[in-house]
Amino acid sequence: MVRNPGRPPAVRRARNAEILQAAARVFRRKGFHAARMQDIADEVGMQKGSLYHYISTKEDLLHGLVEGALERMVEETRAILGTGHPAPQKLAMAIEIHLRQTQEDRDIWGILQREDLDLLNRNSPTDIRKLMKDYESLWARILKEGVDAGEFDPSLDRRVVVQGVVGMCRAVYMWFKPDGRLPIQEVARILAEISLHGLQRSSRATPNG
């Protein structure tokens, strides 16, 4: 856990955020097991002993980073469901949120890609697996809305669709270059077009029960 109650709140928050960002870079670059507290202290430009005024353990840093990124993703995606937009637009918005968040928190999502989920969940105050299931359930709700409204093909298995679309979004992290040919918003639009074209109801579609 990041801490230091003796500092003014604004200064403490800024320094804590700086340490978290430094830890994310180190964990992504070296891997959690190989990373040392000294590496994090060096990254942020402070003495190792001073670092312990702000944090308890390396594990607390890891949990805070991963939980924060997943919670932000869940909150933004959940907000989509409260809008009056049709399901196809909600799906496109969910894709854009996922791609944008993984770029904004690129170091943290690199950790999620690299580290074993059991390690991330071990001794964590938050159930990481449940957070990930909560996130995928929001996509399932968007799909159900589209099926109920006659906008999506009811014959498609929703679990497969969720895993396929979310998996496609996760894979973008592996190949997207922030300084590349297309901005992330355009990539999101293209993936939404691919997803929606495959989800559009056809005259041959029949419910799968």
N, C-alpha and C. Protein backbone atom coordinates (compact mmCIF):
# COMPACT_ATOMS: atom_id res chain seq x y z
N MET A 1 0.84 -1.20 0.00
CA MET A 1 0.00 0.00 0.00
C MET A 1 0.88 1.25 0.00
N VAL A 2 0.56 2.21 -0.83
CA VAL A 2 1.30 3.46 -0.85
C VAL A 2 0.85 4.31 0.32
N ARG A 3 1.79 4.90 1.03
CA ARG A 3 1.44 5.63 2.24
C ARG A 3 2.38 6.79 2.46
N ASN A 4 2.19 7.56 3.47
CA ASN A 4 3.03 8.60 4.04
C ASN A 4 2.13 9.68 4.63
N PRO A 5 1.55 9.41 5.79
CA PRO A 5 0.59 10.34 6.39
C PRO A 5 1.20 11.64 6.85
N GLY A 6 2.55 11.72 6.94
CA GLY A 6 3.17 12.93 7.45
C GLY A 6 3.25 14.07 6.45
N ARG A 7 3.02 13.81 5.19
CA ARG A 7 3.13 14.82 4.14
C ARG A 7 1.79 15.52 3.91
N PRO A 8 1.81 16.77 3.41
CA PRO A 8 0.55 17.42 3.03
C PRO A 8 -0.16 16.57 1.99
N PRO A 9 -1.50 16.51 2.03
CA PRO A 9 -2.24 15.60 1.13
C PRO A 9 -1.90 15.76 -0.34
N ALA A 10 -1.82 16.99 -0.86
CA ALA A 10 -1.56 17.19 -2.28
C ALA A 10 -0.17 16.68 -2.65
N VAL A 11 0.81 16.97 -1.82
CA VAL A 11 2.19 16.52 -2.08
C VAL A 11 2.26 15.00 -1.99
N ARG A 12 1.57 14.45 -0.98
CA ARG A 12 1.58 12.99 -0.80
C ARG A 12 0.96 12.28 -1.99
N ARG A 13 -0.17 12.80 -2.47
CA ARG A 13 -0.84 12.18 -3.63
C ARG A 13 0.04 12.23 -4.86
N ALA A 14 0.70 13.37 -5.09
CA ALA A 14 1.56 13.51 -6.27
C ALA A 14 2.74 12.55 -6.18
N ARG A 15 3.34 12.44 -5.01
CA ARG A 15 4.50 11.56 -4.85
C ARG A 15 4.08 10.10 -4.95
N ASN A 16 2.93 9.76 -4.36
CA ASN A 16 2.42 8.39 -4.44
C ASN A 16 2.16 7.99 -5.89
N ALA A 17 1.55 8.90 -6.66
CA ALA A 17 1.27 8.62 -8.06
C ALA A 17 2.56 8.43 -8.84
N GLU A 18 3.57 9.23 -8.51
CA GLU A 18 4.87 9.11 -9.18
C GLU A 18 5.51 7.75 -8.90
N ILE A 19 5.39 7.28 -7.65
CA ILE A 19 5.96 5.98 -7.28
C ILE A 19 5.21 4.85 -7.97
N LEU A 20 3.89 4.96 -8.04
CA LEU A 20 3.11 3.93 -8.72
C LEU A 20 3.48 3.84 -10.20
N GLN A 21 3.62 4.99 -10.84
CA GLN A 21 3.99 5.00 -12.26
C GLN A 21 5.39 4.41 -12.47
N ALA A 22 6.30 4.74 -11.56
CA ALA A 22 7.66 4.20 -11.65
C ALA A 22 7.65 2.69 -11.47
N ALA A 23 6.87 2.21 -10.49
CA ALA A 23 6.77 0.77 -10.25
C ALA A 23 6.19 0.06 -11.47
N ALA A 24 5.20 0.65 -12.10
CA ALA A 24 4.60 0.04 -13.29
C ALA A 24 5.64 -0.12 -14.39
N ARG A 25 6.45 0.92 -14.60
CA ARG A 25 7.49 0.84 -15.63
C ARG A 25 8.50 -0.26 -15.31
N VAL A 26 8.91 -0.34 -14.05
CA VAL A 26 9.91 -1.33 -13.66
C VAL A 26 9.35 -2.75 -13.77
N PHE A 27 8.12 -2.96 -13.27
CA PHE A 27 7.50 -4.29 -13.33
C PHE A 27 7.33 -4.75 -14.77
N ARG A 28 6.93 -3.81 -15.64
CA ARG A 28 6.73 -4.18 -17.04
C ARG A 28 8.06 -4.51 -17.71
N ARG A 29 9.08 -3.74 -17.39
CA ARG A 29 10.37 -3.90 -18.04
C ARG A 29 11.13 -5.14 -17.55
N LYS A 30 11.10 -5.37 -16.23
CA LYS A 30 11.92 -6.43 -15.65
C LYS A 30 11.12 -7.66 -15.22
N GLY A 31 9.79 -7.51 -15.10
CA GLY A 31 8.99 -8.58 -14.52
C GLY A 31 8.92 -8.40 -13.02
N PHE A 32 7.81 -8.82 -12.42
CA PHE A 32 7.60 -8.58 -11.00
C PHE A 32 8.67 -9.26 -10.14
N HIS A 33 8.97 -10.53 -10.41
CA HIS A 33 9.90 -11.27 -9.58
C HIS A 33 11.31 -10.71 -9.66
N ALA A 34 11.72 -10.28 -10.84
CA ALA A 34 13.09 -9.77 -11.01
C ALA A 34 13.25 -8.34 -10.49
N ALA A 35 12.15 -7.61 -10.42
CA ALA A 35 12.22 -6.21 -9.98
C ALA A 35 12.56 -6.14 -8.49
N ARG A 36 13.38 -5.15 -8.13
CA ARG A 36 13.76 -4.94 -6.74
C ARG A 36 13.25 -3.57 -6.29
N MET A 37 13.12 -3.42 -4.98
CA MET A 37 12.72 -2.12 -4.45
C MET A 37 13.74 -1.05 -4.83
N GLN A 38 15.01 -1.44 -4.91
CA GLN A 38 16.05 -0.50 -5.31
C GLN A 38 15.81 -0.01 -6.74
N ASP A 39 15.33 -0.90 -7.61
CA ASP A 39 15.03 -0.51 -8.99
C ASP A 39 13.95 0.56 -9.02
N ILE A 40 12.93 0.39 -8.18
CA ILE A 40 11.84 1.37 -8.13
C ILE A 40 12.34 2.69 -7.57
N ALA A 41 13.17 2.62 -6.52
CA ALA A 41 13.74 3.83 -5.94
C ALA A 41 14.58 4.58 -6.97
N ASP A 42 15.39 3.84 -7.73
CA ASP A 42 16.22 4.45 -8.76
C ASP A 42 15.36 5.10 -9.85
N GLU A 43 14.27 4.41 -10.21
CA GLU A 43 13.39 4.92 -11.27
C GLU A 43 12.75 6.25 -10.89
N VAL A 44 12.41 6.37 -9.61
CA VAL A 44 11.72 7.58 -9.15
C VAL A 44 12.72 8.62 -8.62
N GLY A 45 14.00 8.23 -8.50
CA GLY A 45 15.03 9.17 -8.10
C GLY A 45 15.05 9.48 -6.61
N MET A 46 14.97 8.44 -5.79
CA MET A 46 15.01 8.64 -4.34
C MET A 46 15.76 7.49 -3.69
N GLN A 47 16.12 7.67 -2.43
CA GLN A 47 16.80 6.62 -1.69
C GLN A 47 15.83 5.48 -1.38
N LYS A 48 16.37 4.26 -1.36
CA LYS A 48 15.53 3.09 -1.07
C LYS A 48 14.86 3.22 0.29
N GLY A 49 15.60 3.70 1.28
CA GLY A 49 15.02 3.86 2.61
C GLY A 49 13.86 4.84 2.62
N SER A 50 13.97 5.89 1.82
CA SER A 50 12.88 6.88 1.75
C SER A 50 11.64 6.30 1.10
N LEU A 51 11.85 5.33 0.21
CA LEU A 51 10.72 4.71 -0.49
C LEU A 51 9.76 4.07 0.49
N TYR A 52 10.30 3.52 1.59
CA TYR A 52 9.45 2.83 2.56
C TYR A 52 8.59 3.78 3.38
N HIS A 53 8.84 5.07 3.26
CA HIS A 53 7.93 6.04 3.88
C HIS A 53 6.61 6.11 3.10
N TYR A 54 6.64 5.63 1.86
CA TYR A 54 5.46 5.72 0.99
C TYR A 54 4.79 4.37 0.74
N ILE A 55 5.56 3.29 0.76
CA ILE A 55 4.99 1.99 0.44
C ILE A 55 5.37 0.96 1.50
N SER A 56 4.58 -0.12 1.55
CA SER A 56 4.85 -1.20 2.50
C SER A 56 5.66 -2.30 1.83
N THR A 57 5.13 -2.86 0.75
CA THR A 57 5.79 -3.97 0.08
C THR A 57 5.65 -3.85 -1.42
N LYS A 58 6.47 -4.60 -2.12
CA LYS A 58 6.40 -4.66 -3.58
C LYS A 58 5.06 -5.25 -4.02
N GLU A 59 4.56 -6.23 -3.26
CA GLU A 59 3.28 -6.86 -3.59
C GLU A 59 2.14 -5.85 -3.51
N ASP A 60 2.17 -4.98 -2.52
CA ASP A 60 1.12 -3.96 -2.40
C ASP A 60 1.10 -3.04 -3.61
N LEU A 61 2.29 -2.71 -4.11
CA LEU A 61 2.36 -1.88 -5.31
C LEU A 61 1.73 -2.59 -6.50
N LEU A 62 2.06 -3.86 -6.66
CA LEU A 62 1.51 -4.64 -7.77
C LEU A 62 0.00 -4.69 -7.70
N HIS A 63 -0.54 -5.00 -6.53
CA HIS A 63 -1.99 -5.10 -6.38
C HIS A 63 -2.67 -3.77 -6.65
N GLY A 64 -2.09 -2.69 -6.13
CA GLY A 64 -2.68 -1.37 -6.33
C GLY A 64 -2.73 -0.98 -7.79
N LEU A 65 -1.68 -1.28 -8.52
CA LEU A 65 -1.63 -0.96 -9.94
C LEU A 65 -2.69 -1.72 -10.73
N VAL A 66 -2.72 -3.04 -10.54
CA VAL A 66 -3.63 -3.89 -11.32
C VAL A 66 -5.09 -3.62 -10.96
N GLU A 67 -5.37 -3.52 -9.67
CA GLU A 67 -6.74 -3.26 -9.24
C GLU A 67 -7.23 -1.92 -9.77
N GLY A 68 -6.38 -0.91 -9.69
CA GLY A 68 -6.78 0.41 -10.15
C GLY A 68 -7.12 0.42 -11.63
N ALA A 69 -6.29 -0.24 -12.45
CA ALA A 69 -6.53 -0.27 -13.90
C ALA A 69 -7.83 -1.01 -14.22
N LEU A 70 -8.05 -2.16 -13.58
CA LEU A 70 -9.26 -2.93 -13.85
C LEU A 70 -10.51 -2.20 -13.35
N GLU A 71 -10.42 -1.58 -12.19
CA GLU A 71 -11.57 -0.85 -11.66
C GLU A 71 -11.95 0.32 -12.57
N ARG A 72 -10.95 1.02 -13.11
CA ARG A 72 -11.25 2.12 -14.04
C ARG A 72 -11.94 1.59 -15.29
N MET A 73 -11.48 0.45 -15.79
CA MET A 73 -12.09 -0.14 -16.99
C MET A 73 -13.54 -0.54 -16.71
N VAL A 74 -13.77 -1.17 -15.56
CA VAL A 74 -15.13 -1.60 -15.20
C VAL A 74 -16.05 -0.39 -15.04
N GLU A 75 -15.58 0.64 -14.36
CA GLU A 75 -16.43 1.82 -14.11
C GLU A 75 -16.82 2.51 -15.42
N GLU A 76 -15.86 2.69 -16.31
CA GLU A 76 -16.17 3.39 -17.57
C GLU A 76 -17.10 2.55 -18.45
N THR A 77 -16.89 1.24 -18.47
CA THR A 77 -17.74 0.38 -19.29
C THR A 77 -19.13 0.30 -18.70
N ARG A 78 -19.24 0.23 -17.37
CA ARG A 78 -20.56 0.19 -16.73
C ARG A 78 -21.35 1.46 -17.04
N ALA A 79 -20.66 2.59 -17.12
CA ALA A 79 -21.35 3.85 -17.40
C ALA A 79 -22.05 3.82 -18.76
N ILE A 80 -21.51 3.06 -19.70
CA ILE A 80 -22.13 2.94 -21.03
C ILE A 80 -23.54 2.39 -20.93
N LEU A 81 -23.73 1.43 -20.02
CA LEU A 81 -25.04 0.77 -19.90
C LEU A 81 -26.12 1.73 -19.43
N GLY A 82 -25.73 2.81 -18.77
CA GLY A 82 -26.71 3.78 -18.30
C GLY A 82 -27.11 4.80 -19.34
N THR A 83 -26.51 4.73 -20.51
CA THR A 83 -26.87 5.68 -21.57
C THR A 83 -28.07 5.17 -22.36
N GLY A 84 -28.65 6.02 -23.15
CA GLY A 84 -29.79 5.62 -23.98
C GLY A 84 -29.38 5.19 -25.37
N HIS A 85 -28.10 4.96 -25.60
CA HIS A 85 -27.63 4.59 -26.93
C HIS A 85 -28.07 3.17 -27.29
N PRO A 86 -28.27 2.89 -28.57
CA PRO A 86 -28.56 1.52 -29.00
C PRO A 86 -27.36 0.62 -28.76
N ALA A 87 -27.63 -0.68 -28.70
CA ALA A 87 -26.57 -1.65 -28.37
C ALA A 87 -25.36 -1.58 -29.31
N PRO A 88 -25.55 -1.44 -30.63
CA PRO A 88 -24.37 -1.36 -31.49
C PRO A 88 -23.44 -0.21 -31.13
N GLN A 89 -24.02 0.94 -30.76
CA GLN A 89 -23.19 2.08 -30.37
C GLN A 89 -22.50 1.81 -29.04
N LYS A 90 -23.22 1.16 -28.11
CA LYS A 90 -22.62 0.81 -26.83
C LYS A 90 -21.43 -0.13 -27.02
N LEU A 91 -21.58 -1.08 -27.93
CA LEU A 91 -20.48 -2.01 -28.19
C LEU A 91 -19.27 -1.27 -28.74
N ALA A 92 -19.50 -0.36 -29.67
CA ALA A 92 -18.41 0.43 -30.23
C ALA A 92 -17.74 1.28 -29.15
N MET A 93 -18.54 1.83 -28.24
CA MET A 93 -17.99 2.63 -27.15
C MET A 93 -17.15 1.77 -26.21
N ALA A 94 -17.62 0.55 -25.93
CA ALA A 94 -16.87 -0.36 -25.05
C ALA A 94 -15.52 -0.73 -25.67
N ILE A 95 -15.51 -0.93 -26.97
CA ILE A 95 -14.24 -1.24 -27.65
C ILE A 95 -13.29 -0.06 -27.56
N GLU A 96 -13.80 1.14 -27.78
CA GLU A 96 -12.93 2.32 -27.71
C GLU A 96 -12.39 2.52 -26.30
N ILE A 97 -13.23 2.33 -25.29
CA ILE A 97 -12.78 2.47 -23.90
C ILE A 97 -11.66 1.49 -23.61
N HIS A 98 -11.84 0.24 -24.02
CA HIS A 98 -10.83 -0.77 -23.75
C HIS A 98 -9.50 -0.39 -24.39
N LEU A 99 -9.52 -0.02 -25.65
CA LEU A 99 -8.28 0.32 -26.35
C LEU A 99 -7.64 1.57 -25.77
N ARG A 100 -8.46 2.58 -25.46
CA ARG A 100 -7.90 3.82 -24.90
C ARG A 100 -7.29 3.57 -23.52
N GLN A 101 -7.99 2.82 -22.69
CA GLN A 101 -7.49 2.57 -21.34
C GLN A 101 -6.19 1.76 -21.37
N THR A 102 -6.11 0.77 -22.25
CA THR A 102 -4.89 -0.03 -22.29
C THR A 102 -3.70 0.78 -22.80
N GLN A 103 -3.97 1.83 -23.57
CA GLN A 103 -2.87 2.70 -23.99
C GLN A 103 -2.51 3.71 -22.90
N GLU A 104 -3.52 4.24 -22.21
CA GLU A 104 -3.24 5.19 -21.13
C GLU A 104 -2.52 4.51 -19.97
N ASP A 105 -2.87 3.27 -19.69
CA ASP A 105 -2.23 2.49 -18.62
C ASP A 105 -1.35 1.40 -19.23
N ARG A 106 -0.57 1.77 -20.22
CA ARG A 106 0.16 0.78 -21.01
C ARG A 106 1.10 -0.07 -20.16
N ASP A 107 1.80 0.54 -19.23
CA ASP A 107 2.72 -0.23 -18.39
C ASP A 107 1.96 -1.24 -17.53
N ILE A 108 0.82 -0.83 -17.00
CA ILE A 108 0.05 -1.72 -16.13
C ILE A 108 -0.52 -2.89 -16.93
N TRP A 109 -1.03 -2.62 -18.12
CA TRP A 109 -1.57 -3.71 -18.94
C TRP A 109 -0.46 -4.62 -19.45
N GLY A 110 0.75 -4.09 -19.52
CA GLY A 110 1.90 -4.95 -19.83
C GLY A 110 2.13 -5.95 -18.71
N ILE A 111 1.93 -5.50 -17.47
CA ILE A 111 2.04 -6.39 -16.32
C ILE A 111 0.96 -7.46 -16.38
N LEU A 112 -0.26 -7.05 -16.69
CA LEU A 112 -1.37 -8.01 -16.79
C LEU A 112 -1.12 -9.05 -17.87
N GLN A 113 -0.47 -8.64 -18.96
CA GLN A 113 -0.15 -9.57 -20.04
C GLN A 113 0.97 -10.52 -19.63
N ARG A 114 1.87 -10.04 -18.80
CA ARG A 114 3.09 -10.79 -18.51
C ARG A 114 2.97 -11.71 -17.31
N GLU A 115 2.27 -11.27 -16.27
CA GLU A 115 2.25 -12.00 -15.01
C GLU A 115 1.10 -13.00 -14.94
N ASP A 116 1.31 -14.06 -14.21
CA ASP A 116 0.29 -15.09 -13.99
C ASP A 116 -0.83 -14.53 -13.14
N LEU A 117 -2.07 -14.85 -13.50
CA LEU A 117 -3.23 -14.32 -12.78
C LEU A 117 -3.25 -14.79 -11.34
N ASP A 118 -2.80 -16.00 -11.07
CA ASP A 118 -2.75 -16.49 -9.69
C ASP A 118 -1.81 -15.64 -8.85
N LEU A 119 -0.69 -15.20 -9.44
CA LEU A 119 0.23 -14.32 -8.72
C LEU A 119 -0.44 -12.99 -8.41
N LEU A 120 -1.13 -12.43 -9.41
CA LEU A 120 -1.78 -11.14 -9.22
C LEU A 120 -2.87 -11.21 -8.16
N ASN A 121 -3.52 -12.37 -8.05
CA ASN A 121 -4.64 -12.51 -7.13
C ASN A 121 -4.19 -12.91 -5.73
N ARG A 122 -2.96 -13.40 -5.59
CA ARG A 122 -2.47 -13.91 -4.31
C ARG A 122 -2.36 -12.78 -3.29
N ASN A 123 -3.01 -12.98 -2.15
CA ASN A 123 -2.97 -12.03 -1.03
C ASN A 123 -3.48 -10.64 -1.41
N SER A 124 -4.22 -10.55 -2.51
CA SER A 124 -4.77 -9.25 -2.90
C SER A 124 -6.05 -8.98 -2.12
N PRO A 125 -6.22 -7.74 -1.62
CA PRO A 125 -7.46 -7.42 -0.91
C PRO A 125 -8.68 -7.42 -1.82
N THR A 126 -8.45 -7.35 -3.12
CA THR A 126 -9.53 -7.40 -4.10
C THR A 126 -9.38 -8.66 -4.94
N ASP A 127 -10.51 -9.31 -5.24
CA ASP A 127 -10.48 -10.52 -6.06
C ASP A 127 -10.31 -10.11 -7.52
N ILE A 128 -9.10 -10.28 -8.05
CA ILE A 128 -8.80 -9.86 -9.42
C ILE A 128 -9.63 -10.65 -10.42
N ARG A 129 -9.78 -11.96 -10.17
CA ARG A 129 -10.58 -12.78 -11.08
C ARG A 129 -12.02 -12.27 -11.14
N LYS A 130 -12.57 -11.90 -9.99
CA LYS A 130 -13.95 -11.39 -9.98
C LYS A 130 -14.06 -10.07 -10.74
N LEU A 131 -13.05 -9.22 -10.59
CA LEU A 131 -13.05 -7.96 -11.34
C LEU A 131 -13.08 -8.22 -12.84
N MET A 132 -12.30 -9.19 -13.29
CA MET A 132 -12.26 -9.51 -14.71
C MET A 132 -13.58 -10.11 -15.18
N LYS A 133 -14.20 -10.95 -14.33
CA LYS A 133 -15.50 -11.51 -14.68
C LYS A 133 -16.57 -10.42 -14.71
N ASP A 134 -16.50 -9.49 -13.76
CA ASP A 134 -17.44 -8.36 -13.75
C ASP A 134 -17.33 -7.56 -15.04
N TYR A 135 -16.09 -7.37 -15.50
CA TYR A 135 -15.86 -6.62 -16.74
C TYR A 135 -16.49 -7.34 -17.92
N GLU A 136 -16.25 -8.63 -18.04
CA GLU A 136 -16.81 -9.39 -19.16
C GLU A 136 -18.33 -9.47 -19.09
N SER A 137 -18.89 -9.45 -17.88
CA SER A 137 -20.35 -9.50 -17.75
C SER A 137 -21.00 -8.23 -18.30
N LEU A 138 -20.28 -7.12 -18.27
CA LEU A 138 -20.83 -5.88 -18.83
C LEU A 138 -20.95 -6.00 -20.35
N TRP A 139 -19.98 -6.63 -20.98
CA TRP A 139 -20.06 -6.88 -22.42
C TRP A 139 -21.24 -7.80 -22.73
N ALA A 140 -21.44 -8.81 -21.88
CA ALA A 140 -22.55 -9.73 -22.09
C ALA A 140 -23.89 -9.01 -22.00
N ARG A 141 -23.98 -8.04 -21.11
CA ARG A 141 -25.22 -7.27 -20.98
C ARG A 141 -25.48 -6.42 -22.23
N ILE A 142 -24.42 -5.87 -22.80
CA ILE A 142 -24.58 -5.11 -24.04
C ILE A 142 -25.08 -6.02 -25.15
N LEU A 143 -24.51 -7.21 -25.25
CA LEU A 143 -24.94 -8.16 -26.27
C LEU A 143 -26.40 -8.56 -26.07
N LYS A 144 -26.79 -8.80 -24.82
CA LYS A 144 -28.18 -9.18 -24.54
C LYS A 144 -29.14 -8.07 -24.94
N GLU A 145 -28.76 -6.83 -24.65
CA GLU A 145 -29.60 -5.70 -25.06
C GLU A 145 -29.79 -5.70 -26.57
N GLY A 146 -28.70 -5.96 -27.30
CA GLY A 146 -28.79 -5.97 -28.76
C GLY A 146 -29.65 -7.11 -29.28
N VAL A 147 -29.54 -8.28 -28.66
CA VAL A 147 -30.38 -9.42 -29.07
C VAL A 147 -31.84 -9.13 -28.77
N ASP A 148 -32.11 -8.61 -27.56
CA ASP A 148 -33.50 -8.32 -27.17
C ASP A 148 -34.13 -7.26 -28.07
N ALA A 149 -33.31 -6.34 -28.56
CA ALA A 149 -33.82 -5.27 -29.43
C ALA A 149 -33.87 -5.70 -30.89
N GLY A 150 -33.44 -6.93 -31.19
CA GLY A 150 -33.44 -7.39 -32.57
C GLY A 150 -32.32 -6.82 -33.40
N GLU A 151 -31.28 -6.31 -32.74
CA GLU A 151 -30.16 -5.70 -33.46
C GLU A 151 -29.00 -6.67 -33.66
N PHE A 152 -28.85 -7.66 -32.80
CA PHE A 152 -27.78 -8.65 -32.90
C PHE A 152 -28.36 -10.03 -33.18
N ASP A 153 -27.57 -10.83 -33.81
CA ASP A 153 -27.96 -12.19 -34.18
C ASP A 153 -28.15 -13.06 -32.93
N PRO A 154 -29.36 -13.54 -32.67
CA PRO A 154 -29.61 -14.34 -31.46
C PRO A 154 -29.05 -15.75 -31.53
N SER A 155 -28.63 -16.20 -32.72
CA SER A 155 -28.13 -17.57 -32.85
C SER A 155 -26.68 -17.71 -32.40
N LEU A 156 -25.99 -16.58 -32.18
CA LEU A 156 -24.59 -16.62 -31.78
C LEU A 156 -24.46 -16.85 -30.28
N ASP A 157 -23.56 -17.72 -29.89
CA ASP A 157 -23.31 -17.99 -28.47
C ASP A 157 -22.68 -16.76 -27.84
N ARG A 158 -23.33 -16.20 -26.84
CA ARG A 158 -22.88 -14.92 -26.27
C ARG A 158 -21.53 -15.05 -25.58
N ARG A 159 -21.31 -16.17 -24.91
CA ARG A 159 -20.03 -16.33 -24.22
C ARG A 159 -18.87 -16.33 -25.21
N VAL A 160 -19.06 -17.01 -26.33
CA VAL A 160 -18.03 -17.04 -27.36
C VAL A 160 -17.82 -15.65 -27.93
N VAL A 161 -18.91 -14.94 -28.17
CA VAL A 161 -18.81 -13.59 -28.72
C VAL A 161 -18.04 -12.67 -27.77
N VAL A 162 -18.39 -12.72 -26.47
CA VAL A 162 -17.70 -11.88 -25.49
C VAL A 162 -16.22 -12.20 -25.46
N GLN A 163 -15.88 -13.49 -25.36
CA GLN A 163 -14.47 -13.87 -25.31
C GLN A 163 -13.74 -13.47 -26.59
N GLY A 164 -14.43 -13.61 -27.73
CA GLY A 164 -13.81 -13.27 -29.00
C GLY A 164 -13.55 -11.79 -29.16
N VAL A 165 -14.56 -10.96 -28.85
CA VAL A 165 -14.41 -9.52 -29.04
C VAL A 165 -13.44 -8.94 -28.02
N VAL A 166 -13.59 -9.33 -26.75
CA VAL A 166 -12.68 -8.83 -25.72
C VAL A 166 -11.26 -9.32 -26.00
N GLY A 167 -11.13 -10.57 -26.44
CA GLY A 167 -9.81 -11.09 -26.78
C GLY A 167 -9.18 -10.32 -27.93
N MET A 168 -9.98 -9.95 -28.91
CA MET A 168 -9.48 -9.15 -30.03
C MET A 168 -8.97 -7.80 -29.53
N CYS A 169 -9.72 -7.20 -28.59
CA CYS A 169 -9.29 -5.92 -28.04
C CYS A 169 -8.00 -6.05 -27.23
N ARG A 170 -7.90 -7.13 -26.46
CA ARG A 170 -6.69 -7.34 -25.66
C ARG A 170 -5.47 -7.51 -26.55
N ALA A 171 -5.65 -8.16 -27.69
CA ALA A 171 -4.52 -8.43 -28.59
C ALA A 171 -3.94 -7.14 -29.18
N VAL A 172 -4.74 -6.08 -29.25
CA VAL A 172 -4.26 -4.82 -29.82
C VAL A 172 -3.03 -4.32 -29.06
N TYR A 173 -3.03 -4.54 -27.75
CA TYR A 173 -1.90 -4.10 -26.94
C TYR A 173 -0.57 -4.66 -27.47
N MET A 174 -0.62 -5.87 -28.02
CA MET A 174 0.60 -6.55 -28.43
C MET A 174 1.22 -5.95 -29.69
N TRP A 175 0.37 -5.35 -30.56
CA TRP A 175 0.91 -4.88 -31.83
C TRP A 175 0.75 -3.39 -32.08
N PHE A 176 -0.11 -2.71 -31.33
CA PHE A 176 -0.34 -1.29 -31.61
C PHE A 176 0.87 -0.45 -31.20
N LYS A 177 1.23 0.49 -32.07
CA LYS A 177 2.32 1.42 -31.81
C LYS A 177 1.74 2.83 -31.67
N PRO A 178 1.89 3.46 -30.50
CA PRO A 178 1.33 4.81 -30.31
C PRO A 178 1.77 5.82 -31.36
N ASP A 179 2.97 5.64 -31.91
CA ASP A 179 3.46 6.56 -32.94
C ASP A 179 3.31 5.97 -34.34
N GLY A 180 2.41 5.01 -34.49
CA GLY A 180 2.23 4.33 -35.76
C GLY A 180 1.33 5.08 -36.72
N ARG A 181 0.88 4.38 -37.74
CA ARG A 181 0.15 4.99 -38.84
C ARG A 181 -1.25 5.48 -38.44
N LEU A 182 -1.93 4.74 -37.55
CA LEU A 182 -3.30 5.08 -37.17
C LEU A 182 -3.40 5.41 -35.69
N PRO A 183 -4.24 6.37 -35.32
CA PRO A 183 -4.49 6.62 -33.89
C PRO A 183 -5.35 5.51 -33.31
N ILE A 184 -5.34 5.37 -31.99
CA ILE A 184 -6.07 4.29 -31.35
C ILE A 184 -7.57 4.40 -31.58
N GLN A 185 -8.08 5.63 -31.73
CA GLN A 185 -9.52 5.80 -31.98
C GLN A 185 -9.93 5.20 -33.32
N GLU A 186 -9.05 5.30 -34.32
CA GLU A 186 -9.36 4.73 -35.63
C GLU A 186 -9.29 3.20 -35.58
N VAL A 187 -8.34 2.67 -34.83
CA VAL A 187 -8.28 1.22 -34.66
C VAL A 187 -9.55 0.72 -33.98
N ALA A 188 -10.01 1.46 -32.98
CA ALA A 188 -11.25 1.09 -32.28
C ALA A 188 -12.43 1.10 -33.24
N ARG A 189 -12.49 2.09 -34.11
CA ARG A 189 -13.59 2.17 -35.08
C ARG A 189 -13.57 0.97 -36.03
N ILE A 190 -12.40 0.59 -36.48
CA ILE A 190 -12.28 -0.54 -37.40
C ILE A 190 -12.69 -1.84 -36.71
N LEU A 191 -12.25 -2.04 -35.47
CA LEU A 191 -12.63 -3.25 -34.74
C LEU A 191 -14.14 -3.28 -34.47
N ALA A 192 -14.72 -2.11 -34.22
CA ALA A 192 -16.17 -2.06 -34.02
C ALA A 192 -16.89 -2.44 -35.30
N GLU A 193 -16.40 -1.99 -36.45
CA GLU A 193 -17.01 -2.35 -37.73
C GLU A 193 -16.92 -3.86 -37.96
N ILE A 194 -15.77 -4.45 -37.65
CA ILE A 194 -15.61 -5.89 -37.81
C ILE A 194 -16.58 -6.64 -36.91
N SER A 195 -16.66 -6.22 -35.65
CA SER A 195 -17.53 -6.89 -34.68
C SER A 195 -19.00 -6.75 -35.05
N LEU A 196 -19.41 -5.55 -35.39
CA LEU A 196 -20.82 -5.31 -35.67
C LEU A 196 -21.26 -5.98 -36.96
N HIS A 197 -20.39 -6.05 -37.94
CA HIS A 197 -20.76 -6.71 -39.19
C HIS A 197 -21.05 -8.19 -38.93
N GLY A 198 -20.27 -8.79 -38.06
CA GLY A 198 -20.49 -10.19 -37.74
C GLY A 198 -21.67 -10.42 -36.82
N LEU A 199 -22.10 -9.37 -36.11
CA LEU A 199 -23.20 -9.51 -35.15
C LEU A 199 -24.56 -9.13 -35.74
N GLN A 200 -24.57 -8.50 -36.89
CA GLN A 200 -25.84 -8.04 -37.45
C GLN A 200 -26.78 -9.21 -37.71
N ARG A 201 -28.02 -9.02 -37.39
CA ARG A 201 -29.02 -10.06 -37.56
C ARG A 201 -29.24 -10.33 -39.04
N SER A 202 -29.27 -11.61 -39.41
CA SER A 202 -29.53 -11.98 -40.80
C SER A 202 -30.90 -12.64 -40.90
N SER A 203 -31.42 -12.75 -42.10
CA SER A 203 -32.75 -13.33 -42.28
C SER A 203 -32.77 -14.81 -41.94
N ARG A 204 -31.57 -15.44 -41.87
CA ARG A 204 -31.51 -16.88 -41.58
C ARG A 204 -31.36 -17.13 -40.09
N ALA A 205 -31.21 -16.06 -39.26
CA ALA A 205 -30.92 -16.26 -37.86
C ALA A 205 -32.11 -16.83 -37.11
N THR A 206 -31.84 -17.78 -36.25
CA THR A 206 -32.86 -18.37 -35.38
C THR A 206 -32.34 -18.41 -33.97
N PRO A 207 -33.21 -18.21 -32.96
CA PRO A 207 -32.75 -18.22 -31.56
C PRO A 207 -32.09 -19.54 -31.20
N ASN A 208 -31.08 -19.47 -30.29
CA ASN A 208 -30.40 -20.69 -29.87
C ASN A 208 -30.87 -21.20 -28.52
N GLY A 209 -32.00 -20.69 -28.07
CA GLY A 209 -32.59 -21.17 -26.83
C GLY A 209 -32.02 -20.50 -25.63
